[in-house]
Amino acid sequence: ENTVYLQMNTLKPEDTAVYYCATGRWSALPEDMDYWGKGT
């Protein structure tokens, strides 16, 4: 389905944020990402 999920349990107030998905290299660096969603 070309779909990635993020199951978030035991949420904390500090988890409040805009969450973005991105695709690119196997990396934790934003600069290594090629495409971004608009966020939720």
Full PDB file with SEQRES, HELIX, SHEET, SSBOND, CRYST1, ORIGX, SCALE, CONECT and MASTER records, all heavy atoms in Angstrom:
SEQRES   1 A   40  GLU ASN THR VAL TYR LEU GLN MET ASN THR LEU LYS PRO          
SEQRES   2 A   40  GLU ASP THR ALA VAL TYR TYR CYS ALA THR GLY ARG TRP          
SEQRES   3 A   40  SER ALA LEU PRO GLU ASP MET ASP TYR TRP GLY LYS GLY          
SEQRES   4 A   40  THR                                                          
HELIX    1 AA1 PRO A   13  ASP A   15  5                                   3    
HELIX    2 AA2 PRO A   30  ASP A   32  5                                   3    
SHEET    1 AA1 2 ALA A  22  GLY A  24  0                                        
SHEET    2 AA1 2 MET A  33  TRP A  36 -1                                        
CRYST1    1.000    1.000    1.000  90.00  90.00  90.00 P 1           1          
ORIGX1      1.000000  0.000000  0.000000        0.00000                         
ORIGX2      0.000000  1.000000  0.000000        0.00000                         
ORIGX3      0.000000  0.000000  1.000000        0.00000                         
SCALE1      1.000000  0.000000  0.000000        0.00000                         
SCALE2      0.000000  1.000000  0.000000        0.00000                         
SCALE3      0.000000  0.000000  1.000000        0.00000                         
ATOM      1  N   GLU A   1       0.805  -1.213   0.000  1.00  0.00           N  
ATOM      2  CA  GLU A   1       0.000   0.000   0.000  1.00  0.00           C  
ATOM      3  C   GLU A   1       0.841   1.268   0.000  1.00  0.00           C  
ATOM      4  O   GLU A   1       0.285   2.369   0.038  1.00  0.00           O  
ATOM      5  CB  GLU A   1      -0.934   0.010   1.210  1.00  0.00           C  
ATOM      6  CG  GLU A   1      -1.934  -1.135   1.224  1.00  0.00           C  
ATOM      7  CD  GLU A   1      -2.921  -1.057   0.078  1.00  0.00           C  
ATOM      8  OE1 GLU A   1      -3.235   0.068  -0.378  1.00  0.00           O  
ATOM      9  OE2 GLU A   1      -3.396  -2.110  -0.372  1.00  0.00           O  
ATOM     10  N   ASN A   2       2.170   1.123  -0.044  1.00  0.00           N  
ATOM     11  CA  ASN A   2       3.070   2.277  -0.004  1.00  0.00           C  
ATOM     12  C   ASN A   2       2.759   3.187   1.180  1.00  0.00           C  
ATOM     13  O   ASN A   2       2.738   4.415   1.051  1.00  0.00           O  
ATOM     14  CB  ASN A   2       3.002   3.071  -1.313  1.00  0.00           C  
ATOM     15  CG  ASN A   2       3.678   2.364  -2.465  1.00  0.00           C  
ATOM     16  OD1 ASN A   2       4.621   1.597  -2.269  1.00  0.00           O  
ATOM     17  ND2 ASN A   2       3.212   2.631  -3.675  1.00  0.00           N  
ATOM     18  N   THR A   3       2.534   2.576   2.325  1.00  0.00           N  
ATOM     19  CA  THR A   3       2.130   3.309   3.512  1.00  0.00           C  
ATOM     20  C   THR A   3       3.040   2.968   4.682  1.00  0.00           C  
ATOM     21  O   THR A   3       3.377   1.805   4.895  1.00  0.00           O  
ATOM     22  CB  THR A   3       0.674   2.997   3.879  1.00  0.00           C  
ATOM     23  OG1 THR A   3      -0.178   3.387   2.791  1.00  0.00           O  
ATOM     24  CG2 THR A   3       0.253   3.741   5.131  1.00  0.00           C  
ATOM     25  N   VAL A   4       3.413   3.991   5.428  1.00  0.00           N  
ATOM     26  CA  VAL A   4       4.202   3.850   6.642  1.00  0.00           C  
ATOM     27  C   VAL A   4       3.375   4.358   7.809  1.00  0.00           C  
ATOM     28  O   VAL A   4       2.656   5.359   7.682  1.00  0.00           O  
ATOM     29  CB  VAL A   4       5.536   4.610   6.530  1.00  0.00           C  
ATOM     30  CG1 VAL A   4       6.287   4.580   7.852  1.00  0.00           C  
ATOM     31  CG2 VAL A   4       6.395   4.012   5.431  1.00  0.00           C  
ATOM     32  N   TYR A   5       3.476   3.682   8.940  1.00  0.00           N  
ATOM     33  CA  TYR A   5       2.699   4.017  10.125  1.00  0.00           C  
ATOM     34  C   TYR A   5       3.620   4.385  11.277  1.00  0.00           C  
ATOM     35  O   TYR A   5       4.754   3.925  11.372  1.00  0.00           O  
ATOM     36  CB  TYR A   5       1.826   2.840  10.558  1.00  0.00           C  
ATOM     37  CG  TYR A   5       0.896   2.346   9.487  1.00  0.00           C  
ATOM     38  CD1 TYR A   5       1.242   1.272   8.683  1.00  0.00           C  
ATOM     39  CD2 TYR A   5      -0.333   2.961   9.279  1.00  0.00           C  
ATOM     40  CE1 TYR A   5       0.397   0.816   7.698  1.00  0.00           C  
ATOM     41  CE2 TYR A   5      -1.189   2.510   8.293  1.00  0.00           C  
ATOM     42  CZ  TYR A   5      -0.824   1.437   7.505  1.00  0.00           C  
ATOM     43  OH  TYR A   5      -1.671   0.993   6.526  1.00  0.00           O  
ATOM     44  N   LEU A   6       3.104   5.211  12.165  1.00  0.00           N  
ATOM     45  CA  LEU A   6       3.761   5.493  13.429  1.00  0.00           C  
ATOM     46  C   LEU A   6       2.732   5.304  14.531  1.00  0.00           C  
ATOM     47  O   LEU A   6       1.836   6.136  14.698  1.00  0.00           O  
ATOM     48  CB  LEU A   6       4.344   6.904  13.470  1.00  0.00           C  
ATOM     49  CG  LEU A   6       5.155   7.237  14.723  1.00  0.00           C  
ATOM     50  CD1 LEU A   6       6.456   6.423  14.745  1.00  0.00           C  
ATOM     51  CD2 LEU A   6       5.464   8.726  14.799  1.00  0.00           C  
ATOM     52  N   GLN A   7       2.832   4.191  15.246  1.00  0.00           N  
ATOM     53  CA  GLN A   7       1.969   3.934  16.383  1.00  0.00           C  
ATOM     54  C   GLN A   7       2.580   4.592  17.603  1.00  0.00           C  
ATOM     55  O   GLN A   7       3.704   4.269  17.986  1.00  0.00           O  
ATOM     56  CB  GLN A   7       1.814   2.431  16.609  1.00  0.00           C  
ATOM     57  CG  GLN A   7       0.949   2.064  17.807  1.00  0.00           C  
ATOM     58  CD  GLN A   7      -0.497   2.438  17.612  1.00  0.00           C  
ATOM     59  OE1 GLN A   7      -1.070   2.181  16.559  1.00  0.00           O  
ATOM     60  NE2 GLN A   7      -1.090   3.057  18.626  1.00  0.00           N  
ATOM     61  N   MET A   8       1.850   5.512  18.216  1.00  0.00           N  
ATOM     62  CA  MET A   8       2.341   6.285  19.338  1.00  0.00           C  
ATOM     63  C   MET A   8       1.533   5.916  20.574  1.00  0.00           C  
ATOM     64  O   MET A   8       0.336   6.201  20.647  1.00  0.00           O  
ATOM     65  CB  MET A   8       2.243   7.783  19.055  1.00  0.00           C  
ATOM     66  CG  MET A   8       2.946   8.205  17.773  1.00  0.00           C  
ATOM     67  SD  MET A   8       2.949   9.998  17.528  1.00  0.00           S  
ATOM     68  CE  MET A   8       1.189  10.280  17.299  1.00  0.00           C  
ATOM     69  N   ASN A   9       2.185   5.289  21.535  1.00  0.00           N  
ATOM     70  CA  ASN A   9       1.553   4.887  22.779  1.00  0.00           C  
ATOM     71  C   ASN A   9       2.161   5.651  23.946  1.00  0.00           C  
ATOM     72  O   ASN A   9       3.243   6.223  23.837  1.00  0.00           O  
ATOM     73  CB  ASN A   9       1.717   3.385  23.012  1.00  0.00           C  
ATOM     74  CG  ASN A   9       1.033   2.549  21.961  1.00  0.00           C  
ATOM     75  OD1 ASN A   9      -0.020   2.919  21.443  1.00  0.00           O  
ATOM     76  ND2 ASN A   9       1.614   1.391  21.660  1.00  0.00           N  
ATOM     77  N   THR A  10       1.460   5.626  25.069  1.00  0.00           N  
ATOM     78  CA  THR A  10       1.916   6.302  26.285  1.00  0.00           C  
ATOM     79  C   THR A  10       2.345   7.727  25.971  1.00  0.00           C  
ATOM     80  O   THR A  10       3.439   8.171  26.336  1.00  0.00           O  
ATOM     81  CB  THR A  10       3.054   5.509  26.952  1.00  0.00           C  
ATOM     82  OG1 THR A  10       2.784   4.107  26.895  1.00  0.00           O  
ATOM     83  CG2 THR A  10       3.190   5.897  28.429  1.00  0.00           C  
ATOM     84  N   LEU A  11       1.472   8.443  25.298  1.00  0.00           N  
ATOM     85  CA  LEU A  11       1.794   9.795  24.861  1.00  0.00           C  
ATOM     86  C   LEU A  11       2.029  10.716  26.046  1.00  0.00           C  
ATOM     87  O   LEU A  11       1.395  10.593  27.094  1.00  0.00           O  
ATOM     88  CB  LEU A  11       0.678  10.345  23.985  1.00  0.00           C  
ATOM     89  CG  LEU A  11       0.650   9.800  22.555  1.00  0.00           C  
ATOM     90  CD1 LEU A  11      -0.700  10.073  21.908  1.00  0.00           C  
ATOM     91  CD2 LEU A  11       1.772  10.417  21.734  1.00  0.00           C  
ATOM     92  N   LYS A  12       2.947  11.649  25.845  1.00  0.00           N  
ATOM     93  CA  LYS A  12       3.294  12.658  26.834  1.00  0.00           C  
ATOM     94  C   LYS A  12       3.050  14.043  26.256  1.00  0.00           C  
ATOM     95  O   LYS A  12       3.094  14.217  25.036  1.00  0.00           O  
ATOM     96  CB  LYS A  12       4.768  12.532  27.237  1.00  0.00           C  
ATOM     97  CG  LYS A  12       5.160  11.169  27.776  1.00  0.00           C  
ATOM     98  CD  LYS A  12       6.656  11.114  28.044  1.00  0.00           C  
ATOM     99  CE  LYS A  12       7.066   9.767  28.593  1.00  0.00           C  
ATOM    100  NZ  LYS A  12       8.529   9.705  28.841  1.00  0.00           N  
ATOM    101  N   PRO A  13       2.805  15.048  27.103  1.00  0.00           N  
ATOM    102  CA  PRO A  13       2.626  16.404  26.581  1.00  0.00           C  
ATOM    103  C   PRO A  13       3.791  16.866  25.713  1.00  0.00           C  
ATOM    104  O   PRO A  13       3.573  17.606  24.743  1.00  0.00           O  
ATOM    105  CB  PRO A  13       2.499  17.252  27.847  1.00  0.00           C  
ATOM    106  CG  PRO A  13       1.913  16.319  28.848  1.00  0.00           C  
ATOM    107  CD  PRO A  13       2.534  14.981  28.553  1.00  0.00           C  
ATOM    108  N   GLU A  14       4.997  16.447  26.016  1.00  0.00           N  
ATOM    109  CA  GLU A  14       6.148  16.843  25.226  1.00  0.00           C  
ATOM    110  C   GLU A  14       6.195  16.197  23.845  1.00  0.00           C  
ATOM    111  O   GLU A  14       7.063  16.537  23.034  1.00  0.00           O  
ATOM    112  CB  GLU A  14       7.463  16.558  25.973  1.00  0.00           C  
ATOM    113  CG  GLU A  14       7.569  15.148  26.515  1.00  0.00           C  
ATOM    114  CD  GLU A  14       7.180  15.051  27.981  1.00  0.00           C  
ATOM    115  OE1 GLU A  14       6.150  15.631  28.370  1.00  0.00           O  
ATOM    116  OE2 GLU A  14       7.924  14.388  28.749  1.00  0.00           O  
ATOM    117  N   ASP A  15       5.276  15.274  23.557  1.00  0.00           N  
ATOM    118  CA  ASP A  15       5.141  14.731  22.216  1.00  0.00           C  
ATOM    119  C   ASP A  15       4.362  15.666  21.293  1.00  0.00           C  
ATOM    120  O   ASP A  15       4.287  15.407  20.086  1.00  0.00           O  
ATOM    121  CB  ASP A  15       4.449  13.370  22.242  1.00  0.00           C  
ATOM    122  CG  ASP A  15       5.269  12.306  22.942  1.00  0.00           C  
ATOM    123  OD1 ASP A  15       6.500  12.283  22.773  1.00  0.00           O  
ATOM    124  OD2 ASP A  15       4.662  11.480  23.664  1.00  0.00           O  
ATOM    125  N   THR A  16       3.774  16.712  21.840  1.00  0.00           N  
ATOM    126  CA  THR A  16       3.017  17.664  21.036  1.00  0.00           C  
ATOM    127  C   THR A  16       3.920  18.309  19.997  1.00  0.00           C  
ATOM    128  O   THR A  16       4.953  18.892  20.330  1.00  0.00           O  
ATOM    129  CB  THR A  16       2.387  18.735  21.926  1.00  0.00           C  
ATOM    130  OG1 THR A  16       1.429  18.137  22.802  1.00  0.00           O  
ATOM    131  CG2 THR A  16       1.692  19.796  21.087  1.00  0.00           C  
ATOM    132  N   ALA A  17       3.536  18.206  18.735  1.00  0.00           N  
ATOM    133  CA  ALA A  17       4.348  18.723  17.639  1.00  0.00           C  
ATOM    134  C   ALA A  17       3.617  18.481  16.332  1.00  0.00           C  
ATOM    135  O   ALA A  17       2.621  17.752  16.280  1.00  0.00           O  
ATOM    136  CB  ALA A  17       5.720  18.040  17.600  1.00  0.00           C  
ATOM    137  N   VAL A  18       4.122  19.084  15.277  1.00  0.00           N  
ATOM    138  CA  VAL A  18       3.737  18.701  13.926  1.00  0.00           C  
ATOM    139  C   VAL A  18       4.645  17.555  13.507  1.00  0.00           C  
ATOM    140  O   VAL A  18       5.871  17.663  13.591  1.00  0.00           O  
ATOM    141  CB  VAL A  18       3.851  19.872  12.941  1.00  0.00           C  
ATOM    142  CG1 VAL A  18       3.540  19.410  11.518  1.00  0.00           C  
ATOM    143  CG2 VAL A  18       2.907  21.000  13.349  1.00  0.00           C  
ATOM    144  N   TYR A  19       4.047  16.471  13.069  1.00  0.00           N  
ATOM    145  CA  TYR A  19       4.792  15.285  12.668  1.00  0.00           C  
ATOM    146  C   TYR A  19       4.858  15.216  11.149  1.00  0.00           C  
ATOM    147  O   TYR A  19       3.847  15.351  10.467  1.00  0.00           O  
ATOM    148  CB  TYR A  19       4.140  14.023  13.230  1.00  0.00           C  
ATOM    149  CG  TYR A  19       4.419  13.824  14.696  1.00  0.00           C  
ATOM    150  CD1 TYR A  19       3.824  14.645  15.643  1.00  0.00           C  
ATOM    151  CD2 TYR A  19       5.297  12.830  15.131  1.00  0.00           C  
ATOM    152  CE1 TYR A  19       4.098  14.491  16.993  1.00  0.00           C  
ATOM    153  CE2 TYR A  19       5.568  12.662  16.479  1.00  0.00           C  
ATOM    154  CZ  TYR A  19       4.965  13.493  17.401  1.00  0.00           C  
ATOM    155  OH  TYR A  19       5.235  13.327  18.739  1.00  0.00           O  
ATOM    156  N   TYR A  20       6.062  15.003  10.636  1.00  0.00           N  
ATOM    157  CA  TYR A  20       6.313  14.943   9.208  1.00  0.00           C  
ATOM    158  C   TYR A  20       6.864  13.580   8.823  1.00  0.00           C  
ATOM    159  O   TYR A  20       7.730  13.044   9.511  1.00  0.00           O  
ATOM    160  CB  TYR A  20       7.347  15.992   8.788  1.00  0.00           C  
ATOM    161  CG  TYR A  20       6.965  17.418   9.065  1.00  0.00           C  
ATOM    162  CD1 TYR A  20       7.286  18.014  10.274  1.00  0.00           C  
ATOM    163  CD2 TYR A  20       6.302  18.170   8.104  1.00  0.00           C  
ATOM    164  CE1 TYR A  20       6.946  19.333  10.527  1.00  0.00           C  
ATOM    165  CE2 TYR A  20       5.967  19.487   8.353  1.00  0.00           C  
ATOM    166  CZ  TYR A  20       6.293  20.062   9.568  1.00  0.00           C  
ATOM    167  OH  TYR A  20       5.963  21.369   9.810  1.00  0.00           O  
ATOM    168  N   CYS A  21       6.396  13.041   7.723  1.00  0.00           N  
ATOM    169  CA  CYS A  21       7.077  11.898   7.140  1.00  0.00           C  
ATOM    170  C   CYS A  21       7.965  12.373   6.005  1.00  0.00           C  
ATOM    171  O   CYS A  21       7.706  13.403   5.372  1.00  0.00           O  
ATOM    172  CB  CYS A  21       6.101  10.818   6.663  1.00  0.00           C  
ATOM    173  SG  CYS A  21       5.012  11.282   5.308  1.00  0.00           S  
ATOM    174  N   ALA A  22       9.035  11.644   5.790  1.00  0.00           N  
ATOM    175  CA  ALA A  22      10.002  11.996   4.766  1.00  0.00           C  
ATOM    176  C   ALA A  22      10.667  10.728   4.265  1.00  0.00           C  
ATOM    177  O   ALA A  22      10.742   9.724   4.984  1.00  0.00           O  
ATOM    178  CB  ALA A  22      11.056  12.958   5.319  1.00  0.00           C  
ATOM    179  N   THR A  23      11.166  10.773   3.042  1.00  0.00           N  
ATOM    180  CA  THR A  23      11.855   9.622   2.478  1.00  0.00           C  
ATOM    181  C   THR A  23      13.179  10.049   1.880  1.00  0.00           C  
ATOM    182  O   THR A  23      13.304  11.152   1.329  1.00  0.00           O  
ATOM    183  CB  THR A  23      10.982   8.905   1.431  1.00  0.00           C  
ATOM    184  OG1 THR A  23      11.626   7.698   0.999  1.00  0.00           O  
ATOM    185  CG2 THR A  23      10.722   9.797   0.222  1.00  0.00           C  
ATOM    186  N   GLY A  24      14.158   9.190   1.994  1.00  0.00           N  
ATOM    187  CA  GLY A  24      15.483   9.462   1.477  1.00  0.00           C  
ATOM    188  C   GLY A  24      16.422   8.348   1.860  1.00  0.00           C  
ATOM    189  O   GLY A  24      16.042   7.173   1.885  1.00  0.00           O  
ATOM    190  N   ARG A  25      17.647   8.708   2.194  1.00  0.00           N  
ATOM    191  CA  ARG A  25      18.637   7.727   2.609  1.00  0.00           C  
ATOM    192  C   ARG A  25      18.309   7.161   3.987  1.00  0.00           C  
ATOM    193  O   ARG A  25      17.499   7.735   4.727  1.00  0.00           O  
ATOM    194  CB  ARG A  25      20.030   8.366   2.639  1.00  0.00           C  
ATOM    195  CG  ARG A  25      20.497   8.919   1.304  1.00  0.00           C  
ATOM    196  CD  ARG A  25      21.835   9.615   1.427  1.00  0.00           C  
ATOM    197  NE  ARG A  25      22.881   8.683   1.850  1.00  0.00           N  
ATOM    198  CZ  ARG A  25      24.139   9.037   2.100  1.00  0.00           C  
ATOM    199  NH1 ARG A  25      24.505  10.304   1.972  1.00  0.00           N  
ATOM    200  NH2 ARG A  25      25.022   8.129   2.472  1.00  0.00           N  
ATOM    201  N   TRP A  26      18.927   6.048   4.322  1.00  0.00           N  
ATOM    202  CA  TRP A  26      18.824   5.482   5.666  1.00  0.00           C  
ATOM    203  C   TRP A  26      19.592   6.420   6.593  1.00  0.00           C  
ATOM    204  O   TRP A  26      20.816   6.333   6.719  1.00  0.00           O  
ATOM    205  CB  TRP A  26      19.401   4.064   5.676  1.00  0.00           C  
ATOM    206  CG  TRP A  26      19.494   3.421   7.017  1.00  0.00           C  
ATOM    207  CD1 TRP A  26      20.620   3.014   7.653  1.00  0.00           C  
ATOM    208  CD2 TRP A  26      18.411   3.081   7.891  1.00  0.00           C  
ATOM    209  NE1 TRP A  26      20.320   2.450   8.857  1.00  0.00           N  
ATOM    210  CE2 TRP A  26      18.967   2.471   9.038  1.00  0.00           C  
ATOM    211  CE3 TRP A  26      17.022   3.225   7.816  1.00  0.00           C  
ATOM    212  CZ2 TRP A  26      18.184   2.013  10.100  1.00  0.00           C  
ATOM    213  CZ3 TRP A  26      16.241   2.774   8.874  1.00  0.00           C  
ATOM    214  CH2 TRP A  26      16.822   2.182   9.988  1.00  0.00           C  
ATOM    215  N   SER A  27      18.865   7.331   7.240  1.00  0.00           N  
ATOM    216  CA  SER A  27      19.492   8.423   7.962  1.00  0.00           C  
ATOM    217  C   SER A  27      18.493   9.050   8.921  1.00  0.00           C  
ATOM    218  O   SER A  27      17.278   8.990   8.705  1.00  0.00           O  
ATOM    219  CB  SER A  27      20.000   9.491   6.975  1.00  0.00           C  
ATOM    220  OG  SER A  27      20.480  10.635   7.649  1.00  0.00           O  
ATOM    221  N   ALA A  28      19.018   9.654   9.980  1.00  0.00           N  
ATOM    222  CA  ALA A  28      18.228  10.426  10.924  1.00  0.00           C  
ATOM    223  C   ALA A  28      18.397  11.930  10.713  1.00  0.00           C  
ATOM    224  O   ALA A  28      17.962  12.717  11.555  1.00  0.00           O  
ATOM    225  CB  ALA A  28      18.610  10.062  12.359  1.00  0.00           C  
ATOM    226  N   LEU A  29      19.003  12.319   9.614  1.00  0.00           N  
ATOM    227  CA  LEU A  29      19.284  13.720   9.338  1.00  0.00           C  
ATOM    228  C   LEU A  29      18.284  14.294   8.348  1.00  0.00           C  
ATOM    229  O   LEU A  29      18.090  13.730   7.268  1.00  0.00           O  
ATOM    230  CB  LEU A  29      20.696  13.887   8.776  1.00  0.00           C  
ATOM    231  CG  LEU A  29      21.835  13.379   9.661  1.00  0.00           C  
ATOM    232  CD1 LEU A  29      23.158  13.494   8.924  1.00  0.00           C  
ATOM    233  CD2 LEU A  29      21.879  14.137  10.970  1.00  0.00           C  
ATOM    234  N   PRO A  30      17.653  15.418   8.680  1.00  0.00           N  
ATOM    235  CA  PRO A  30      16.712  16.019   7.735  1.00  0.00           C  
ATOM    236  C   PRO A  30      17.319  16.307   6.373  1.00  0.00           C  
ATOM    237  O   PRO A  30      16.635  16.171   5.348  1.00  0.00           O  
ATOM    238  CB  PRO A  30      16.282  17.315   8.441  1.00  0.00           C  
ATOM    239  CG  PRO A  30      16.484  17.038   9.894  1.00  0.00           C  
ATOM    240  CD  PRO A  30      17.693  16.152   9.962  1.00  0.00           C  
ATOM    241  N   GLU A  31      18.598  16.684   6.340  1.00  0.00           N  
ATOM    242  CA  GLU A  31      19.230  17.029   5.079  1.00  0.00           C  
ATOM    243  C   GLU A  31      19.434  15.845   4.152  1.00  0.00           C  
ATOM    244  O   GLU A  31      19.709  16.030   2.964  1.00  0.00           O  
ATOM    245  CB  GLU A  31      20.576  17.735   5.324  1.00  0.00           C  
ATOM    246  CG  GLU A  31      21.527  16.956   6.213  1.00  0.00           C  
ATOM    247  CD  GLU A  31      21.464  17.397   7.669  1.00  0.00           C  
ATOM    248  OE1 GLU A  31      20.351  17.667   8.161  1.00  0.00           O  
ATOM    249  OE2 GLU A  31      22.528  17.478   8.305  1.00  0.00           O  
ATOM    250  N   ASP A  32      19.286  14.624   4.662  1.00  0.00           N  
ATOM    251  CA  ASP A  32      19.395  13.435   3.831  1.00  0.00           C  
ATOM    252  C   ASP A  32      18.062  12.996   3.237  1.00  0.00           C  
ATOM    253  O   ASP A  32      18.016  12.015   2.498  1.00  0.00           O  
ATOM    254  CB  ASP A  32      19.989  12.274   4.620  1.00  0.00           C  
ATOM    255  CG  ASP A  32      21.474  12.425   4.865  1.00  0.00           C  
ATOM    256  OD1 ASP A  32      22.149  13.107   4.070  1.00  0.00           O  
ATOM    257  OD2 ASP A  32      21.972  11.857   5.856  1.00  0.00           O  
ATOM    258  N   MET A  33      17.004  13.708   3.559  1.00  0.00           N  
ATOM    259  CA  MET A  33      15.693  13.379   3.030  1.00  0.00           C  
ATOM    260  C   MET A  33      15.457  14.072   1.695  1.00  0.00           C  
ATOM    261  O   MET A  33      15.850  15.228   1.510  1.00  0.00           O  
ATOM    262  CB  MET A  33      14.591  13.776   4.010  1.00  0.00           C  
ATOM    263  CG  MET A  33      14.727  13.121   5.391  1.00  0.00           C  
ATOM    264  SD  MET A  33      14.543  11.312   5.347  1.00  0.00           S  
ATOM    265  CE  MET A  33      16.262  10.802   5.549  1.00  0.00           C  
ATOM    266  N   ASP A  34      14.807  13.375   0.771  1.00  0.00           N  
ATOM    267  CA  ASP A  34      14.549  13.900  -0.567  1.00  0.00           C  
ATOM    268  C   ASP A  34      13.142  14.465  -0.729  1.00  0.00           C  
ATOM    269  O   ASP A  34      12.946  15.416  -1.494  1.00  0.00           O  
ATOM    270  CB  ASP A  34      14.764  12.808  -1.613  1.00  0.00           C  
ATOM    271  CG  ASP A  34      16.194  12.303  -1.650  1.00  0.00           C  
ATOM    272  OD1 ASP A  34      17.118  13.134  -1.564  1.00  0.00           O  
ATOM    273  OD2 ASP A  34      16.386  11.082  -1.778  1.00  0.00           O  
ATOM    274  N   TYR A  35      12.165  13.884  -0.048  1.00  0.00           N  
ATOM    275  CA  TYR A  35      10.776  14.303  -0.164  1.00  0.00           C  
ATOM    276  C   TYR A  35      10.152  14.371   1.214  1.00  0.00           C  
ATOM    277  O   TYR A  35      10.454  13.559   2.096  1.00  0.00           O  
ATOM    278  CB  TYR A  35       9.976  13.337  -1.043  1.00  0.00           C  
ATOM    279  CG  TYR A  35      10.511  13.198  -2.441  1.00  0.00           C  
ATOM    280  CD1 TYR A  35      11.347  12.146  -2.776  1.00  0.00           C  
ATOM    281  CD2 TYR A  35      10.175  14.123  -3.427  1.00  0.00           C  
ATOM    282  CE1 TYR A  35      11.845  12.016  -4.060  1.00  0.00           C  
ATOM    283  CE2 TYR A  35      10.669  13.995  -4.714  1.00  0.00           C  
ATOM    284  CZ  TYR A  35      11.501  12.948  -5.023  1.00  0.00           C  
ATOM    285  OH  TYR A  35      11.991  12.823  -6.296  1.00  0.00           O  
ATOM    286  N   TRP A  36       9.251  15.339   1.384  1.00  0.00           N  
ATOM    287  CA  TRP A  36       8.581  15.575   2.657  1.00  0.00           C  
ATOM    288  C   TRP A  36       7.080  15.684   2.483  1.00  0.00           C  
ATOM    289  O   TRP A  36       6.591  16.227   1.486  1.00  0.00           O  
ATOM    290  CB  TRP A  36       9.070  16.879   3.284  1.00  0.00           C  
ATOM    291  CG  TRP A  36      10.490  16.842   3.754  1.00  0.00           C  
ATOM    292  CD1 TRP A  36      11.605  17.052   2.997  1.00  0.00           C  
ATOM    293  CD2 TRP A  36      10.942  16.596   5.082  1.00  0.00           C  
ATOM    294  NE1 TRP A  36      12.735  16.949   3.771  1.00  0.00           N  
ATOM    295  CE2 TRP A  36      12.353  16.673   5.062  1.00  0.00           C  
ATOM    296  CE3 TRP A  36      10.297  16.325   6.287  1.00  0.00           C  
ATOM    297  CZ2 TRP A  36      13.124  16.485   6.207  1.00  0.00           C  
ATOM    298  CZ3 TRP A  36      11.063  16.137   7.427  1.00  0.00           C  
ATOM    299  CH2 TRP A  36      12.459  16.221   7.372  1.00  0.00           C  
ATOM    300  N   GLY A  37       6.349  15.186   3.479  1.00  0.00           N  
ATOM    301  CA  GLY A  37       4.944  15.496   3.577  1.00  0.00           C  
ATOM    302  C   GLY A  37       4.742  16.862   4.189  1.00  0.00           C  
ATOM    303  O   GLY A  37       5.690  17.519   4.635  1.00  0.00           O  
ATOM    304  N   LYS A  38       3.497  17.305   4.223  1.00  0.00           N  
ATOM    305  CA  LYS A  38       3.180  18.632   4.749  1.00  0.00           C  
ATOM    306  C   LYS A  38       2.966  18.649   6.256  1.00  0.00           C  
ATOM    307  O   LYS A  38       2.880  19.724   6.846  1.00  0.00           O  
ATOM    308  CB  LYS A  38       1.945  19.190   4.049  1.00  0.00           C  
ATOM    309  CG  LYS A  38       2.169  19.471   2.576  1.00  0.00           C  
ATOM    310  CD  LYS A  38       0.942  20.078   1.921  1.00  0.00           C  
ATOM    311  CE  LYS A  38       1.201  20.393   0.461  1.00  0.00           C  
ATOM    312  NZ  LYS A  38       0.014  20.989  -0.200  1.00  0.00           N  
ATOM    313  N   GLY A  39       2.885  17.496   6.878  1.00  0.00           N  
ATOM    314  CA  GLY A  39       2.802  17.405   8.318  1.00  0.00           C  
ATOM    315  C   GLY A  39       1.388  17.207   8.833  1.00  0.00           C  
ATOM    316  O   GLY A  39       0.407  17.563   8.184  1.00  0.00           O  
ATOM    317  N   THR A  40       1.291  16.639  10.025  1.00  0.00           N  
ATOM    318  CA  THR A  40       0.023  16.478  10.716  1.00  0.00           C  
ATOM    319  C   THR A  40       0.241  16.796  12.192  1.00  0.00           C  
ATOM    320  O   THR A  40       1.230  16.383  12.786  1.00  0.00           O  
ATOM    321  CB  THR A  40      -0.547  15.057  10.512  1.00  0.00           C  
ATOM    322  OG1 THR A  40      -1.846  14.967  11.095  1.00  0.00           O  
ATOM    323  CG2 THR A  40       0.361  13.994  11.108  1.00  0.00           C  
TER     324      THR A  40                                                      
MASTER        0    0    0    2    2    0    0    6  323    1    0    4          
END                                                                             
